[in-house]
Structure formats: structure tokens, C-alpha cells
Amino acid sequence: MLAGGTLMLTIRELWNQPVWWQLAGLAGTWSIVDIFAALAANPNYVTAALIIKPPGTANSPGSWRGKLYQNVVVVDVNDGDTVTVGALAVTKGITCAYTHYIPLNANQYSPLTGQ
């Protein structure tokens, strides 16, 4: 088990709703105040996963590696705009904090793959 830190998420903006509505429990919120009120009303932590799938291993999850981030909570939502000319996407930044992470490797059971 390794120490905590922050995760910087970049999520593609949706056309018909705020980007953070993709995160559990945040649908229907419109501002950072609404987001923190929703998080405070339901103080459950979540687990986030980073899974690295080397080329050619799509059908062999035992070859994947990554990290399982524990006790993740949103600490900032960037509602500014970053527009990339030539790209058909607008991205938003979300910062999360976590208490620790567990390495995900081929020798352990993963709740993500069921193996």
C-alpha cells in the first residue's frame, strides 16, 4: 500500500450537460457549491482504477497492470474552457484526492476483471 496524492482527470465535455454529471452522485449539480453540497450529503468514498493494457493483450487481463486508488473524493472542478482548434472535443479538468493506492498486477484478483 502506497501513500496518497491527487488525480488530475481530463474528461470530455458533454453537449447537453456539465461534464461532472458523468461522476456518481453529481448529476443535477450546476456549480462548485452544488458539487460540494452533493459530496457532503453523501460522504462515501469511491475507488478509481488506472488500467494499462499493453498492445495485443485485450483478451488476456492477466497481462494488464495499473493502480487501484482508494478513498477518492473530488476536490476541484475546473469549469473554464479549453478549446483545441482542430479537435472536436472540449475537455474539463477535475482534481481528486486519494488516501492510498494498491498496485494492480497479474498476480492478484481484480474486481475490475473478475479474475
N, C-alpha and C. Protein backbone atom coordinates (compact mmCIF):
# COMPACT_ATOMS: atom_id res chain seq x y z
N MET A 1 0.85 -1.16 0.00
CA MET A 1 0.00 0.00 0.00
C MET A 1 0.91 1.24 0.00
N LEU A 2 0.63 2.15 -0.89
CA LEU A 2 1.46 3.33 -1.03
C LEU A 2 0.68 4.59 -0.65
N ALA A 3 1.39 5.68 -0.39
CA ALA A 3 0.81 6.91 0.14
C ALA A 3 -0.15 7.57 -0.84
N GLY A 4 -0.91 8.53 -0.30
CA GLY A 4 -1.92 9.24 -1.06
C GLY A 4 -1.39 10.33 -1.96
N GLY A 5 -2.29 10.96 -2.66
CA GLY A 5 -1.93 12.03 -3.57
C GLY A 5 -3.15 12.57 -4.28
N THR A 6 -2.93 13.13 -5.45
CA THR A 6 -4.04 13.68 -6.22
C THR A 6 -4.08 13.06 -7.61
N LEU A 7 -5.27 13.02 -8.16
CA LEU A 7 -5.50 12.58 -9.53
C LEU A 7 -6.01 13.78 -10.31
N MET A 8 -5.45 14.01 -11.47
CA MET A 8 -5.92 15.07 -12.36
C MET A 8 -6.65 14.38 -13.50
N LEU A 9 -7.97 14.51 -13.53
CA LEU A 9 -8.77 13.87 -14.56
C LEU A 9 -9.09 14.88 -15.66
N THR A 10 -9.04 14.44 -16.89
CA THR A 10 -9.48 15.26 -18.02
C THR A 10 -10.62 14.51 -18.66
N ILE A 11 -11.80 15.10 -18.60
CA ILE A 11 -13.00 14.43 -19.09
C ILE A 11 -13.57 15.23 -20.25
N ARG A 12 -13.98 14.53 -21.28
CA ARG A 12 -14.55 15.16 -22.46
C ARG A 12 -15.90 15.77 -22.12
N GLU A 13 -16.10 17.01 -22.49
CA GLU A 13 -17.35 17.73 -22.24
C GLU A 13 -18.50 17.09 -23.00
N LEU A 14 -19.64 17.04 -22.36
CA LEU A 14 -20.85 16.55 -22.99
C LEU A 14 -21.57 17.73 -23.63
N TRP A 15 -22.33 17.45 -24.66
CA TRP A 15 -23.01 18.53 -25.37
C TRP A 15 -24.22 19.04 -24.61
N ASN A 16 -24.88 18.20 -23.85
CA ASN A 16 -26.16 18.59 -23.25
C ASN A 16 -26.16 18.68 -21.73
N GLN A 17 -25.01 18.54 -21.08
CA GLN A 17 -24.96 18.62 -19.63
C GLN A 17 -23.53 18.85 -19.17
N PRO A 18 -23.33 19.33 -17.94
CA PRO A 18 -21.97 19.54 -17.43
C PRO A 18 -21.18 18.23 -17.37
N VAL A 19 -19.90 18.35 -17.57
CA VAL A 19 -19.02 17.19 -17.63
C VAL A 19 -19.04 16.36 -16.34
N TRP A 20 -19.16 16.99 -15.21
CA TRP A 20 -19.11 16.25 -13.94
C TRP A 20 -20.35 15.41 -13.70
N TRP A 21 -21.39 15.57 -14.49
CA TRP A 21 -22.57 14.71 -14.34
C TRP A 21 -22.23 13.25 -14.64
N GLN A 22 -21.08 13.00 -15.27
CA GLN A 22 -20.65 11.63 -15.54
C GLN A 22 -20.17 10.93 -14.28
N LEU A 23 -19.91 11.68 -13.22
CA LEU A 23 -19.42 11.10 -11.96
C LEU A 23 -20.59 10.76 -11.06
N ALA A 24 -20.48 9.64 -10.36
CA ALA A 24 -21.56 9.15 -9.50
C ALA A 24 -21.96 10.19 -8.46
N GLY A 25 -23.25 10.46 -8.37
CA GLY A 25 -23.79 11.36 -7.35
C GLY A 25 -23.78 12.83 -7.70
N LEU A 26 -23.24 13.21 -8.86
CA LEU A 26 -23.13 14.63 -9.19
C LEU A 26 -24.10 15.09 -10.27
N ALA A 27 -24.93 14.19 -10.79
CA ALA A 27 -25.94 14.59 -11.77
C ALA A 27 -26.90 15.60 -11.13
N GLY A 28 -27.22 16.63 -11.88
CA GLY A 28 -28.14 17.65 -11.38
C GLY A 28 -27.47 18.81 -10.68
N THR A 29 -26.15 18.77 -10.53
CA THR A 29 -25.42 19.89 -9.91
C THR A 29 -24.99 20.87 -11.00
N TRP A 30 -24.97 22.15 -10.65
CA TRP A 30 -24.66 23.17 -11.66
C TRP A 30 -23.45 24.02 -11.34
N SER A 31 -22.96 23.98 -10.11
CA SER A 31 -21.82 24.82 -9.74
C SER A 31 -20.95 24.07 -8.74
N ILE A 32 -19.79 24.65 -8.45
CA ILE A 32 -18.89 24.03 -7.47
C ILE A 32 -19.55 23.94 -6.10
N VAL A 33 -20.39 24.90 -5.78
CA VAL A 33 -21.11 24.87 -4.50
C VAL A 33 -22.07 23.68 -4.47
N ASP A 34 -22.81 23.46 -5.57
CA ASP A 34 -23.72 22.31 -5.67
C ASP A 34 -22.93 20.99 -5.57
N ILE A 35 -21.77 20.96 -6.22
CA ILE A 35 -20.96 19.74 -6.21
C ILE A 35 -20.52 19.40 -4.79
N PHE A 36 -20.00 20.39 -4.06
CA PHE A 36 -19.54 20.11 -2.70
C PHE A 36 -20.71 19.80 -1.77
N ALA A 37 -21.86 20.40 -2.00
CA ALA A 37 -23.05 20.08 -1.19
C ALA A 37 -23.46 18.62 -1.44
N ALA A 38 -23.43 18.18 -2.69
CA ALA A 38 -23.77 16.79 -3.02
C ALA A 38 -22.77 15.82 -2.41
N LEU A 39 -21.49 16.17 -2.45
CA LEU A 39 -20.47 15.31 -1.87
C LEU A 39 -20.59 15.24 -0.35
N ALA A 40 -20.92 16.37 0.28
CA ALA A 40 -21.06 16.39 1.74
C ALA A 40 -22.30 15.62 2.18
N ALA A 41 -23.36 15.63 1.37
CA ALA A 41 -24.59 14.92 1.71
C ALA A 41 -24.42 13.41 1.64
N ASN A 42 -23.47 12.95 0.84
CA ASN A 42 -23.22 11.52 0.70
C ASN A 42 -21.71 11.30 0.81
N PRO A 43 -21.19 11.26 2.03
CA PRO A 43 -19.73 11.22 2.23
C PRO A 43 -19.08 9.86 2.00
N ASN A 44 -19.55 9.14 1.01
CA ASN A 44 -18.93 7.85 0.70
C ASN A 44 -17.78 8.04 -0.28
N TYR A 45 -16.69 7.38 0.00
CA TYR A 45 -15.56 7.41 -0.90
C TYR A 45 -15.77 6.41 -2.03
N VAL A 46 -15.06 6.59 -3.10
CA VAL A 46 -15.11 5.64 -4.20
C VAL A 46 -13.71 5.14 -4.49
N THR A 47 -13.62 4.10 -5.31
CA THR A 47 -12.36 3.57 -5.77
C THR A 47 -12.23 3.90 -7.24
N ALA A 48 -11.08 4.40 -7.65
CA ALA A 48 -10.81 4.68 -9.06
C ALA A 48 -9.71 3.75 -9.52
N ALA A 49 -9.74 3.41 -10.79
CA ALA A 49 -8.75 2.48 -11.31
C ALA A 49 -8.04 3.05 -12.53
N LEU A 50 -6.76 2.82 -12.59
CA LEU A 50 -5.94 3.09 -13.77
C LEU A 50 -5.51 1.73 -14.29
N ILE A 51 -5.95 1.39 -15.49
CA ILE A 51 -5.61 0.10 -16.06
C ILE A 51 -4.81 0.34 -17.33
N ILE A 52 -3.64 -0.27 -17.40
CA ILE A 52 -2.78 -0.16 -18.57
C ILE A 52 -2.82 -1.50 -19.29
N LYS A 53 -3.32 -1.47 -20.53
CA LYS A 53 -3.43 -2.67 -21.34
C LYS A 53 -2.39 -2.60 -22.46
N PRO A 54 -1.28 -3.31 -22.32
CA PRO A 54 -0.28 -3.30 -23.40
C PRO A 54 -0.89 -3.78 -24.72
N PRO A 55 -0.36 -3.33 -25.84
CA PRO A 55 -0.89 -3.77 -27.14
C PRO A 55 -0.93 -5.29 -27.25
N GLY A 56 -2.03 -5.78 -27.81
CA GLY A 56 -2.17 -7.22 -28.03
C GLY A 56 -2.64 -8.00 -26.82
N THR A 57 -3.04 -7.32 -25.73
CA THR A 57 -3.46 -8.04 -24.51
C THR A 57 -4.94 -7.84 -24.19
N ALA A 58 -5.72 -7.41 -25.17
CA ALA A 58 -7.13 -7.14 -24.92
C ALA A 58 -7.87 -8.35 -24.35
N ASN A 59 -7.49 -9.55 -24.75
CA ASN A 59 -8.17 -10.76 -24.28
C ASN A 59 -7.41 -11.49 -23.18
N SER A 60 -6.38 -10.86 -22.63
CA SER A 60 -5.64 -11.51 -21.54
C SER A 60 -5.42 -10.52 -20.39
N PRO A 61 -6.46 -10.33 -19.55
CA PRO A 61 -6.37 -9.37 -18.46
C PRO A 61 -5.23 -9.65 -17.48
N GLY A 62 -4.69 -10.85 -17.47
CA GLY A 62 -3.56 -11.16 -16.60
C GLY A 62 -2.31 -10.38 -16.96
N SER A 63 -2.27 -9.84 -18.17
CA SER A 63 -1.11 -9.06 -18.62
C SER A 63 -1.24 -7.58 -18.31
N TRP A 64 -2.41 -7.18 -17.86
CA TRP A 64 -2.65 -5.77 -17.58
C TRP A 64 -1.98 -5.39 -16.27
N ARG A 65 -1.72 -4.11 -16.11
CA ARG A 65 -1.19 -3.59 -14.84
C ARG A 65 -1.85 -2.24 -14.58
N GLY A 66 -1.66 -1.73 -13.39
CA GLY A 66 -2.25 -0.45 -13.07
C GLY A 66 -2.29 -0.19 -11.57
N LYS A 67 -3.22 0.66 -11.17
CA LYS A 67 -3.36 1.05 -9.77
C LYS A 67 -4.84 1.14 -9.41
N LEU A 68 -5.16 0.74 -8.18
CA LEU A 68 -6.49 0.93 -7.62
C LEU A 68 -6.39 2.02 -6.57
N TYR A 69 -6.91 3.20 -6.88
CA TYR A 69 -6.86 4.34 -5.97
C TYR A 69 -8.01 4.22 -4.96
N GLN A 70 -7.69 4.35 -3.68
CA GLN A 70 -8.67 4.14 -2.61
C GLN A 70 -9.13 5.46 -2.00
N ASN A 71 -10.38 5.49 -1.56
CA ASN A 71 -10.97 6.65 -0.84
C ASN A 71 -10.83 7.94 -1.65
N VAL A 72 -11.27 7.90 -2.89
CA VAL A 72 -11.17 9.03 -3.81
C VAL A 72 -12.31 10.01 -3.58
N VAL A 73 -11.98 11.30 -3.55
CA VAL A 73 -13.00 12.33 -3.39
C VAL A 73 -12.64 13.51 -4.30
N VAL A 74 -13.66 14.14 -4.91
CA VAL A 74 -13.46 15.30 -5.77
C VAL A 74 -13.09 16.50 -4.91
N VAL A 75 -12.02 17.20 -5.27
CA VAL A 75 -11.62 18.39 -4.51
C VAL A 75 -11.67 19.67 -5.34
N ASP A 76 -11.77 19.55 -6.67
CA ASP A 76 -11.86 20.73 -7.52
C ASP A 76 -12.41 20.36 -8.88
N VAL A 77 -13.22 21.26 -9.43
CA VAL A 77 -13.75 21.10 -10.78
C VAL A 77 -13.44 22.37 -11.54
N ASN A 78 -12.72 22.24 -12.64
CA ASN A 78 -12.40 23.40 -13.47
C ASN A 78 -13.51 23.55 -14.50
N ASP A 79 -14.32 24.58 -14.32
CA ASP A 79 -15.44 24.81 -15.24
C ASP A 79 -15.07 25.81 -16.33
N GLY A 80 -13.77 26.12 -16.44
CA GLY A 80 -13.32 27.00 -17.52
C GLY A 80 -13.34 26.25 -18.84
N ASP A 81 -12.99 26.94 -19.90
CA ASP A 81 -12.99 26.32 -21.21
C ASP A 81 -11.59 26.23 -21.79
N THR A 82 -11.28 25.07 -22.32
CA THR A 82 -10.06 24.87 -23.08
C THR A 82 -10.50 24.33 -24.43
N VAL A 83 -10.34 25.12 -25.46
CA VAL A 83 -10.78 24.72 -26.78
C VAL A 83 -9.54 24.45 -27.63
N THR A 84 -9.47 23.27 -28.20
CA THR A 84 -8.37 22.90 -29.08
C THR A 84 -8.85 23.01 -30.51
N VAL A 85 -8.27 23.94 -31.25
CA VAL A 85 -8.65 24.12 -32.65
C VAL A 85 -8.23 22.88 -33.43
N GLY A 86 -9.12 22.36 -34.22
CA GLY A 86 -8.83 21.15 -34.99
C GLY A 86 -9.32 19.89 -34.31
N ALA A 87 -9.71 19.98 -33.07
CA ALA A 87 -10.24 18.82 -32.36
C ALA A 87 -11.73 19.04 -32.13
N LEU A 88 -12.47 17.97 -32.14
CA LEU A 88 -13.90 18.09 -31.93
C LEU A 88 -14.27 17.77 -30.49
N ALA A 89 -13.45 18.22 -29.56
CA ALA A 89 -13.71 17.95 -28.16
C ALA A 89 -13.35 19.15 -27.31
N VAL A 90 -14.13 19.36 -26.29
CA VAL A 90 -13.84 20.35 -25.26
C VAL A 90 -13.66 19.55 -23.98
N THR A 91 -12.51 19.73 -23.32
CA THR A 91 -12.24 18.94 -22.12
C THR A 91 -12.31 19.82 -20.87
N LYS A 92 -12.62 19.19 -19.76
CA LYS A 92 -12.68 19.85 -18.46
C LYS A 92 -11.79 19.08 -17.48
N GLY A 93 -11.20 19.80 -16.56
CA GLY A 93 -10.34 19.17 -15.57
C GLY A 93 -11.05 18.98 -14.25
N ILE A 94 -10.85 17.83 -13.65
CA ILE A 94 -11.38 17.51 -12.33
C ILE A 94 -10.22 17.00 -11.50
N THR A 95 -10.05 17.55 -10.30
CA THR A 95 -8.99 17.12 -9.40
C THR A 95 -9.60 16.31 -8.26
N CYS A 96 -9.02 15.16 -8.00
CA CYS A 96 -9.47 14.28 -6.91
C CYS A 96 -8.30 14.00 -5.99
N ALA A 97 -8.60 13.74 -4.74
CA ALA A 97 -7.59 13.31 -3.78
C ALA A 97 -7.88 11.86 -3.40
N TYR A 98 -6.83 11.12 -3.08
CA TYR A 98 -6.99 9.74 -2.63
C TYR A 98 -6.06 9.50 -1.44
N THR A 99 -6.41 8.52 -0.61
CA THR A 99 -5.62 8.26 0.58
C THR A 99 -4.44 7.34 0.31
N HIS A 100 -4.61 6.37 -0.59
CA HIS A 100 -3.54 5.45 -0.93
C HIS A 100 -3.94 4.69 -2.19
N TYR A 101 -2.99 3.97 -2.76
CA TYR A 101 -3.32 3.12 -3.89
C TYR A 101 -2.68 1.76 -3.73
N ILE A 102 -3.29 0.79 -4.40
CA ILE A 102 -2.81 -0.58 -4.39
C ILE A 102 -2.40 -0.93 -5.82
N PRO A 103 -1.19 -1.40 -6.03
CA PRO A 103 -0.79 -1.79 -7.39
C PRO A 103 -1.68 -2.92 -7.92
N LEU A 104 -2.07 -2.81 -9.14
CA LEU A 104 -2.84 -3.86 -9.81
C LEU A 104 -1.86 -4.59 -10.72
N ASN A 105 -1.72 -5.89 -10.50
CA ASN A 105 -0.81 -6.65 -11.35
C ASN A 105 -1.39 -8.01 -11.67
N ALA A 106 -0.69 -8.75 -12.47
CA ALA A 106 -1.19 -10.03 -12.97
C ALA A 106 -1.35 -11.09 -11.89
N ASN A 107 -0.76 -10.91 -10.73
CA ASN A 107 -0.78 -11.94 -9.70
C ASN A 107 -1.86 -11.76 -8.65
N GLN A 108 -2.77 -10.83 -8.84
CA GLN A 108 -3.79 -10.63 -7.84
C GLN A 108 -5.17 -10.58 -8.47
N TYR A 109 -6.17 -10.92 -7.69
CA TYR A 109 -7.56 -10.86 -8.14
C TYR A 109 -7.96 -9.40 -8.33
N SER A 110 -8.67 -9.13 -9.39
CA SER A 110 -9.12 -7.78 -9.65
C SER A 110 -10.64 -7.71 -9.72
N PRO A 111 -11.26 -6.85 -8.92
CA PRO A 111 -12.71 -6.69 -9.02
C PRO A 111 -13.11 -6.06 -10.35
N LEU A 112 -12.14 -5.51 -11.07
CA LEU A 112 -12.44 -4.86 -12.36
C LEU A 112 -12.63 -5.89 -13.47
N THR A 113 -11.88 -6.98 -13.39
CA THR A 113 -11.96 -8.01 -14.44
C THR A 113 -12.68 -9.26 -13.97
N GLY A 114 -12.84 -9.42 -12.65
CA GLY A 114 -13.49 -10.61 -12.11
C GLY A 114 -12.58 -11.83 -12.14
N GLN A 115 -11.29 -11.59 -12.34
CA GLN A 115 -10.34 -12.72 -12.43
C GLN A 115 -9.23 -12.53 -11.41
